Amino acid sequence: MRKLANIFEFFKSTLAINLTVCAIPVFLAGYDYFFIYFLSLGFLLSIGYKELYRKNEYLFYSNNGISKIQLLVSSYILTFFSTIVLGLILFLIKQLS
């Protein structure tokens, strides 16, 4: 349970950067491009930011028995499911309007 909580904290820390990067295409081109950027460029830039400026945080996760690969794969899976849920919500909102 503690590992899952730590993985979720890592995901939340990448989410802020990812959403910031993805806000630009939403303002310029609409919601259609949001999902593409959220799953690709936004995620990669947030991981790149972590690699450059927050390297010491990986030591915390390593001490808790979570490898870097586990963090990245789990975070991407959570990003993917978040995209699906957000897409369904936006689809339902468009259908109800």
C-alpha atoms as a PDB file:
ATOM      1  CA  MET A   1       0.000   0.000   0.000  1.00  0.00           C
ATOM      2  CA  ARG A   2       2.875   2.361   0.800  1.00  0.00           C
ATOM      3  CA  LYS A   3       4.439   1.719  -2.624  1.00  0.00           C
ATOM      4  CA  LEU A   4       1.182   2.626  -4.358  1.00  0.00           C
ATOM      5  CA  ALA A   5       0.939   5.848  -2.372  1.00  0.00           C
ATOM      6  CA  ASN A   6       4.513   6.767  -3.324  1.00  0.00           C
ATOM      7  CA  ILE A   7       3.880   5.976  -6.994  1.00  0.00           C
ATOM      8  CA  PHE A   8       0.753   8.122  -6.907  1.00  0.00           C
ATOM      9  CA  GLU A   9       2.740  10.996  -5.374  1.00  0.00           C
ATOM     10  CA  PHE A  10       5.277  10.730  -8.193  1.00  0.00           C
ATOM     11  CA  PHE A  11       2.432  10.755 -10.725  1.00  0.00           C
ATOM     12  CA  LYS A  12       0.918  13.857  -9.133  1.00  0.00           C
ATOM     13  CA  SER A  13       4.259  15.651  -9.286  1.00  0.00           C
ATOM     14  CA  THR A  14       4.537  14.971 -13.031  1.00  0.00           C
ATOM     15  CA  LEU A  15       0.917  15.901 -13.625  1.00  0.00           C
ATOM     16  CA  ALA A  16       1.368  19.623 -12.931  1.00  0.00           C
ATOM     17  CA  ILE A  17       4.075  19.993 -15.561  1.00  0.00           C
ATOM     18  CA  ASN A  18       2.200  17.786 -18.006  1.00  0.00           C
ATOM     19  CA  LEU A  19      -0.992  19.837 -17.726  1.00  0.00           C
ATOM     20  CA  THR A  20       0.912  23.095 -18.097  1.00  0.00           C
ATOM     21  CA  VAL A  21       2.571  21.905 -21.296  1.00  0.00           C
ATOM     22  CA  CYS A  22      -0.755  20.627 -22.635  1.00  0.00           C
ATOM     23  CA  ALA A  23      -2.597  23.864 -21.947  1.00  0.00           C
ATOM     24  CA  ILE A  24      -0.865  25.584 -24.856  1.00  0.00           C
ATOM     25  CA  PRO A  25      -2.366  23.361 -27.608  1.00  0.00           C
ATOM     26  CA  VAL A  26      -5.789  23.620 -25.968  1.00  0.00           C
ATOM     27  CA  PHE A  27      -5.725  27.393 -26.253  1.00  0.00           C
ATOM     28  CA  LEU A  28      -4.345  27.344 -29.789  1.00  0.00           C
ATOM     29  CA  ALA A  29      -6.096  24.395 -31.431  1.00  0.00           C
ATOM     30  CA  GLY A  30      -8.803  23.009 -29.147  1.00  0.00           C
ATOM     31  CA  TYR A  31      -9.344  19.923 -27.024  1.00  0.00           C
ATOM     32  CA  ASP A  32      -8.574  17.478 -29.812  1.00  0.00           C
ATOM     33  CA  TYR A  33      -4.841  18.074 -29.498  1.00  0.00           C
ATOM     34  CA  PHE A  34      -4.852  17.962 -25.708  1.00  0.00           C
ATOM     35  CA  PHE A  35      -4.972  14.179 -25.534  1.00  0.00           C
ATOM     36  CA  ILE A  36      -2.135  13.715 -28.002  1.00  0.00           C
ATOM     37  CA  TYR A  37       0.108  16.142 -26.137  1.00  0.00           C
ATOM     38  CA  PHE A  38      -0.920  14.795 -22.729  1.00  0.00           C
ATOM     39  CA  LEU A  39       0.146  11.251 -23.598  1.00  0.00           C
ATOM     40  CA  SER A  40       3.306  12.132 -25.486  1.00  0.00           C
ATOM     41  CA  LEU A  41       5.051  15.493 -25.308  1.00  0.00           C
ATOM     42  CA  GLY A  42       3.654  16.576 -21.953  1.00  0.00           C
ATOM     43  CA  PHE A  43       4.607  13.326 -20.268  1.00  0.00           C
ATOM     44  CA  LEU A  44       8.085  13.301 -21.802  1.00  0.00           C
ATOM     45  CA  LEU A  45       8.749  16.912 -20.800  1.00  0.00           C
ATOM     46  CA  SER A  46       7.589  16.288 -17.239  1.00  0.00           C
ATOM     47  CA  ILE A  47       9.896  13.261 -16.959  1.00  0.00           C
ATOM     48  CA  GLY A  48      12.712  15.290 -18.520  1.00  0.00           C
ATOM     49  CA  TYR A  49      12.171  18.014 -15.940  1.00  0.00           C
ATOM     50  CA  LYS A  50      12.358  15.420 -13.178  1.00  0.00           C
ATOM     51  CA  GLU A  51      15.564  14.020 -14.669  1.00  0.00           C
ATOM     52  CA  LEU A  52      17.268  17.408 -14.860  1.00  0.00           C
ATOM     53  CA  TYR A  53      16.075  19.235 -11.759  1.00  0.00           C
ATOM     54  CA  ARG A  54      14.737  16.639  -9.326  1.00  0.00           C
ATOM     55  CA  LYS A  55      17.224  13.757  -9.579  1.00  0.00           C
ATOM     56  CA  ASN A  56      17.533  13.432  -5.811  1.00  0.00           C
ATOM     57  CA  GLU A  57      13.859  12.482  -5.502  1.00  0.00           C
ATOM     58  CA  TYR A  58      14.610   9.159  -7.171  1.00  0.00           C
ATOM     59  CA  LEU A  59      16.724   8.261  -4.144  1.00  0.00           C
ATOM     60  CA  PHE A  60      13.643   8.588  -1.933  1.00  0.00           C
ATOM     61  CA  TYR A  61      11.675   6.211  -4.134  1.00  0.00           C
ATOM     62  CA  SER A  62      14.614   3.832  -4.394  1.00  0.00           C
ATOM     63  CA  ASN A  63      14.874   3.702  -0.600  1.00  0.00           C
ATOM     64  CA  ASN A  64      11.200   2.750  -0.508  1.00  0.00           C
ATOM     65  CA  GLY A  65      11.799  -0.186  -2.859  1.00  0.00           C
ATOM     66  CA  ILE A  66      10.552   1.389  -6.095  1.00  0.00           C
ATOM     67  CA  SER A  67      12.822   1.379  -9.121  1.00  0.00           C
ATOM     68  CA  LYS A  68      12.982   4.184 -11.649  1.00  0.00           C
ATOM     69  CA  ILE A  69      11.464   1.930 -14.324  1.00  0.00           C
ATOM     70  CA  GLN A  70       8.539   1.092 -12.031  1.00  0.00           C
ATOM     71  CA  LEU A  71       7.958   4.799 -11.441  1.00  0.00           C
ATOM     72  CA  LEU A  72       8.013   5.686 -15.132  1.00  0.00           C
ATOM     73  CA  VAL A  73       5.827   2.790 -16.285  1.00  0.00           C
ATOM     74  CA  SER A  74       3.327   3.248 -13.460  1.00  0.00           C
ATOM     75  CA  SER A  75       3.176   6.977 -14.052  1.00  0.00           C
ATOM     76  CA  TYR A  76       2.542   6.480 -17.764  1.00  0.00           C
ATOM     77  CA  ILE A  77      -0.193   3.928 -17.042  1.00  0.00           C
ATOM     78  CA  LEU A  78      -1.853   6.402 -14.670  1.00  0.00           C
ATOM     79  CA  THR A  79      -1.502   9.116 -17.311  1.00  0.00           C
ATOM     80  CA  PHE A  80      -3.116   6.831 -19.886  1.00  0.00           C
ATOM     81  CA  PHE A  81      -6.066   6.000 -17.632  1.00  0.00           C
ATOM     82  CA  SER A  82      -6.455   9.656 -16.678  1.00  0.00           C
ATOM     83  CA  THR A  83      -6.658  10.490 -20.372  1.00  0.00           C
ATOM     84  CA  ILE A  84      -9.360   7.878 -20.914  1.00  0.00           C
ATOM     85  CA  VAL A  85     -11.425   9.133 -17.971  1.00  0.00           C
ATOM     86  CA  LEU A  86     -11.033  12.768 -19.011  1.00  0.00           C
ATOM     87  CA  GLY A  87     -11.917  11.886 -22.610  1.00  0.00           C
ATOM     88  CA  LEU A  88     -15.074  10.101 -21.495  1.00  0.00           C
ATOM     89  CA  ILE A  89     -16.101  13.034 -19.332  1.00  0.00           C
ATOM     90  CA  LEU A  90     -15.565  15.511 -22.175  1.00  0.00           C
ATOM     91  CA  PHE A  91     -17.431  13.218 -24.568  1.00  0.00           C
ATOM     92  CA  LEU A  92     -20.399  13.024 -22.210  1.00  0.00           C
ATOM     93  CA  ILE A  93     -20.410  16.787 -21.715  1.00  0.00           C
ATOM     94  CA  LYS A  94     -20.460  17.314 -25.493  1.00  0.00           C
ATOM     95  CA  GLN A  95     -23.282  14.796 -25.878  1.00  0.00           C
ATOM     96  CA  LEU A  96     -25.390  16.471 -23.194  1.00  0.00           C
ATOM     97  CA  SER A  97     -24.912  19.964 -24.636  1.00  0.00           C
END
